[in-house]
Amino acid sequence: GGKANELAQQKADKAVVAVLAPICVDKFRHAKNADENLGKLNAISYSWEKGTYVSQGGWATLPGNAEPNSAVAQACAEMLGTVAK
């Protein structure tokens, strides 16, 4: 029971991130200074710092939430990194 519930929760969390990360990317691309922000993002070496940058920029804070979602921010940063190259 416990392990099955844990696995189900992990799958649900991944599905939520997969749906919300493209929204974060869209918010990032339509923000003021998007090109400048993308340059700053790409200049960051470590992937976790890229997620932090996206979180701090507010792009991973989704409607109805006061705080950014760190998993969405990380996925968003990864998506932006692959699109930019």
N, C-alpha and C. Protein backbone atom coordinates (compact mmCIF):
# COMPACT_ATOMS: atom_id res chain seq x y z
N GLY A 1 0.79 -1.19 0.00
CA GLY A 1 0.00 0.00 0.00
C GLY A 1 0.83 1.25 0.00
N GLY A 2 1.77 1.38 0.93
CA GLY A 2 2.55 2.61 1.06
C GLY A 2 3.43 2.87 -0.14
N LYS A 3 4.10 1.84 -0.61
CA LYS A 3 5.00 1.99 -1.77
C LYS A 3 4.20 2.31 -3.03
N ALA A 4 3.08 1.66 -3.21
CA ALA A 4 2.23 1.93 -4.38
C ALA A 4 1.73 3.37 -4.36
N ASN A 5 1.32 3.84 -3.20
CA ASN A 5 0.86 5.23 -3.07
C ASN A 5 1.99 6.20 -3.37
N GLU A 6 3.17 5.88 -2.89
CA GLU A 6 4.33 6.74 -3.12
C GLU A 6 4.65 6.82 -4.61
N LEU A 7 4.64 5.69 -5.29
CA LEU A 7 4.90 5.66 -6.73
C LEU A 7 3.82 6.41 -7.51
N ALA A 8 2.58 6.24 -7.10
CA ALA A 8 1.48 6.95 -7.75
C ALA A 8 1.64 8.45 -7.58
N GLN A 9 2.05 8.89 -6.39
CA GLN A 9 2.24 10.32 -6.13
C GLN A 9 3.39 10.86 -6.98
N GLN A 10 4.47 10.09 -7.11
CA GLN A 10 5.60 10.53 -7.93
C GLN A 10 5.19 10.69 -9.39
N LYS A 11 4.40 9.75 -9.90
CA LYS A 11 3.92 9.84 -11.28
C LYS A 11 3.01 11.05 -11.46
N ALA A 12 2.16 11.28 -10.49
CA ALA A 12 1.26 12.44 -10.56
C ALA A 12 2.06 13.74 -10.53
N ASP A 13 3.06 13.82 -9.67
CA ASP A 13 3.90 15.01 -9.59
C ASP A 13 4.62 15.26 -10.91
N LYS A 14 5.14 14.21 -11.52
CA LYS A 14 5.84 14.35 -12.81
C LYS A 14 4.88 14.82 -13.89
N ALA A 15 3.66 14.31 -13.86
CA ALA A 15 2.66 14.71 -14.85
C ALA A 15 2.30 16.18 -14.70
N VAL A 16 2.18 16.63 -13.47
CA VAL A 16 1.87 18.04 -13.20
C VAL A 16 3.00 18.93 -13.71
N VAL A 17 4.23 18.55 -13.43
CA VAL A 17 5.39 19.32 -13.89
C VAL A 17 5.42 19.35 -15.42
N ALA A 18 5.14 18.23 -16.05
CA ALA A 18 5.15 18.16 -17.51
C ALA A 18 4.11 19.09 -18.12
N VAL A 19 3.01 19.30 -17.45
CA VAL A 19 1.96 20.18 -17.95
C VAL A 19 2.29 21.64 -17.65
N LEU A 20 2.84 21.92 -16.48
CA LEU A 20 3.07 23.30 -16.06
C LEU A 20 4.36 23.91 -16.59
N ALA A 21 5.37 23.12 -16.87
CA ALA A 21 6.64 23.67 -17.35
C ALA A 21 6.48 24.46 -18.65
N PRO A 22 5.71 23.98 -19.63
CA PRO A 22 5.54 24.80 -20.85
C PRO A 22 4.85 26.15 -20.57
N ILE A 23 4.00 26.19 -19.57
CA ILE A 23 3.37 27.47 -19.19
C ILE A 23 4.43 28.41 -18.65
N CYS A 24 5.34 27.89 -17.86
CA CYS A 24 6.46 28.67 -17.33
C CYS A 24 7.31 29.20 -18.49
N VAL A 25 7.61 28.35 -19.46
CA VAL A 25 8.40 28.76 -20.62
C VAL A 25 7.69 29.90 -21.36
N ASP A 26 6.39 29.78 -21.53
CA ASP A 26 5.62 30.82 -22.21
C ASP A 26 5.68 32.13 -21.44
N LYS A 27 5.53 32.05 -20.12
CA LYS A 27 5.62 33.26 -19.28
C LYS A 27 6.99 33.89 -19.43
N PHE A 28 8.04 33.07 -19.44
CA PHE A 28 9.41 33.55 -19.56
C PHE A 28 9.59 34.28 -20.90
N ARG A 29 9.12 33.66 -21.97
CA ARG A 29 9.30 34.22 -23.32
C ARG A 29 8.51 35.51 -23.54
N HIS A 30 7.41 35.66 -22.84
CA HIS A 30 6.58 36.85 -23.02
C HIS A 30 6.86 37.94 -21.97
N ALA A 31 7.82 37.68 -21.11
CA ALA A 31 8.17 38.67 -20.08
C ALA A 31 8.99 39.80 -20.69
N LYS A 32 9.01 40.90 -19.98
CA LYS A 32 9.85 42.02 -20.38
C LYS A 32 11.31 41.54 -20.39
N ASN A 33 12.07 41.99 -21.35
CA ASN A 33 13.51 41.65 -21.44
C ASN A 33 13.75 40.15 -21.59
N ALA A 34 12.90 39.46 -22.31
CA ALA A 34 13.02 38.00 -22.44
C ALA A 34 14.37 37.59 -23.01
N ASP A 35 14.84 38.29 -24.03
CA ASP A 35 16.13 37.93 -24.62
C ASP A 35 17.28 38.12 -23.64
N GLU A 36 17.23 39.21 -22.91
CA GLU A 36 18.26 39.48 -21.90
C GLU A 36 18.21 38.42 -20.79
N ASN A 37 17.01 38.08 -20.36
CA ASN A 37 16.86 37.06 -19.32
C ASN A 37 17.36 35.70 -19.80
N LEU A 38 17.10 35.39 -21.06
CA LEU A 38 17.57 34.12 -21.62
C LEU A 38 19.10 34.09 -21.66
N GLY A 39 19.70 35.21 -22.01
CA GLY A 39 21.17 35.31 -21.99
C GLY A 39 21.72 35.07 -20.60
N LYS A 40 21.08 35.67 -19.60
CA LYS A 40 21.51 35.47 -18.22
C LYS A 40 21.34 34.02 -17.80
N LEU A 41 20.23 33.42 -18.19
CA LEU A 41 19.96 32.03 -17.84
C LEU A 41 21.03 31.12 -18.46
N ASN A 42 21.33 31.35 -19.72
CA ASN A 42 22.31 30.52 -20.41
C ASN A 42 23.74 30.71 -19.88
N ALA A 43 23.99 31.84 -19.24
CA ALA A 43 25.31 32.10 -18.68
C ALA A 43 25.53 31.36 -17.36
N ILE A 44 24.48 30.85 -16.77
CA ILE A 44 24.59 30.13 -15.50
C ILE A 44 25.09 28.72 -15.77
N SER A 45 26.08 28.30 -15.00
CA SER A 45 26.72 27.00 -15.23
C SER A 45 25.93 25.82 -14.68
N TYR A 46 25.44 25.93 -13.47
CA TYR A 46 24.84 24.79 -12.79
C TYR A 46 23.32 24.75 -13.00
N SER A 47 22.80 23.56 -13.29
CA SER A 47 21.38 23.44 -13.60
C SER A 47 20.50 23.86 -12.42
N TRP A 48 20.92 23.55 -11.19
CA TRP A 48 20.07 23.94 -10.05
C TRP A 48 20.02 25.45 -9.91
N GLU A 49 21.11 26.15 -10.29
CA GLU A 49 21.10 27.61 -10.24
C GLU A 49 20.17 28.19 -11.31
N LYS A 50 20.06 27.49 -12.44
CA LYS A 50 19.13 27.93 -13.48
C LYS A 50 17.70 27.84 -12.98
N GLY A 51 17.39 26.74 -12.28
CA GLY A 51 16.06 26.61 -11.69
C GLY A 51 15.78 27.70 -10.67
N THR A 52 16.80 28.05 -9.89
CA THR A 52 16.66 29.12 -8.91
C THR A 52 16.41 30.46 -9.60
N TYR A 53 17.12 30.70 -10.70
CA TYR A 53 16.93 31.93 -11.47
C TYR A 53 15.50 32.04 -11.98
N VAL A 54 14.98 30.94 -12.51
CA VAL A 54 13.60 30.93 -13.02
C VAL A 54 12.62 31.15 -11.86
N SER A 55 12.87 30.52 -10.73
CA SER A 55 12.01 30.71 -9.55
C SER A 55 12.01 32.17 -9.11
N GLN A 56 13.20 32.74 -9.01
CA GLN A 56 13.32 34.12 -8.54
C GLN A 56 12.71 35.12 -9.52
N GLY A 57 12.70 34.77 -10.81
CA GLY A 57 12.09 35.64 -11.81
C GLY A 57 10.58 35.63 -11.77
N GLY A 58 10.01 34.67 -11.05
CA GLY A 58 8.56 34.59 -10.91
C GLY A 58 7.86 33.80 -12.00
N TRP A 59 8.63 33.26 -12.93
CA TRP A 59 8.02 32.56 -14.06
C TRP A 59 7.44 31.20 -13.66
N ALA A 60 7.92 30.64 -12.55
CA ALA A 60 7.41 29.34 -12.09
C ALA A 60 6.36 29.49 -10.99
N THR A 61 5.96 30.74 -10.73
CA THR A 61 4.87 30.98 -9.79
C THR A 61 3.60 31.02 -10.62
N LEU A 62 2.77 30.05 -10.41
CA LEU A 62 1.60 29.88 -11.25
C LEU A 62 0.36 30.45 -10.57
N PRO A 63 -0.65 30.77 -11.36
CA PRO A 63 -1.87 31.37 -10.81
C PRO A 63 -2.42 30.55 -9.64
N GLY A 64 -2.78 31.28 -8.59
CA GLY A 64 -3.33 30.64 -7.40
C GLY A 64 -2.27 30.25 -6.38
N ASN A 65 -0.99 30.44 -6.72
CA ASN A 65 0.09 30.10 -5.81
C ASN A 65 0.88 31.35 -5.44
N ALA A 66 1.32 31.40 -4.20
CA ALA A 66 2.13 32.53 -3.75
C ALA A 66 3.62 32.28 -3.96
N GLU A 67 4.00 31.02 -4.05
CA GLU A 67 5.41 30.65 -4.16
C GLU A 67 5.65 29.90 -5.47
N PRO A 68 6.86 30.01 -6.00
CA PRO A 68 7.18 29.25 -7.21
C PRO A 68 7.28 27.76 -6.91
N ASN A 69 7.03 26.96 -7.91
CA ASN A 69 7.17 25.51 -7.79
C ASN A 69 8.57 25.17 -8.28
N SER A 70 9.41 24.65 -7.39
CA SER A 70 10.82 24.42 -7.73
C SER A 70 10.98 23.36 -8.82
N ALA A 71 10.15 22.34 -8.83
CA ALA A 71 10.24 21.31 -9.87
C ALA A 71 9.84 21.87 -11.23
N VAL A 72 8.83 22.73 -11.25
CA VAL A 72 8.42 23.38 -12.49
C VAL A 72 9.53 24.32 -12.96
N ALA A 73 10.13 25.07 -12.03
CA ALA A 73 11.22 25.98 -12.38
C ALA A 73 12.39 25.23 -13.00
N GLN A 74 12.74 24.10 -12.43
CA GLN A 74 13.85 23.31 -12.94
C GLN A 74 13.53 22.79 -14.34
N ALA A 75 12.34 22.25 -14.53
CA ALA A 75 11.94 21.74 -15.84
C ALA A 75 11.86 22.87 -16.87
N CYS A 76 11.36 24.02 -16.44
CA CYS A 76 11.27 25.19 -17.30
C CYS A 76 12.67 25.62 -17.75
N ALA A 77 13.60 25.71 -16.82
CA ALA A 77 14.98 26.09 -17.15
C ALA A 77 15.59 25.11 -18.14
N GLU A 78 15.33 23.83 -17.95
CA GLU A 78 15.86 22.82 -18.86
C GLU A 78 15.26 22.97 -20.25
N MET A 79 13.95 23.24 -20.32
CA MET A 79 13.29 23.43 -21.60
C MET A 79 13.83 24.67 -22.31
N LEU A 80 14.01 25.74 -21.58
CA LEU A 80 14.54 26.97 -22.16
C LEU A 80 15.97 26.76 -22.66
N GLY A 81 16.73 25.96 -21.94
CA GLY A 81 18.11 25.67 -22.34
C GLY A 81 18.20 24.89 -23.62
N THR A 82 17.29 23.95 -23.83
CA THR A 82 17.34 23.14 -25.05
C THR A 82 16.80 23.90 -26.24
N VAL A 83 15.85 24.80 -26.03
CA VAL A 83 15.28 25.57 -27.13
C VAL A 83 16.27 26.63 -27.59
N ALA A 84 17.02 27.18 -26.64
CA ALA A 84 17.90 28.30 -26.96
C ALA A 84 19.12 27.88 -27.76
N LYS A 85 19.49 26.62 -27.70
CA LYS A 85 20.73 26.19 -28.35
C LYS A 85 20.52 25.74 -29.76
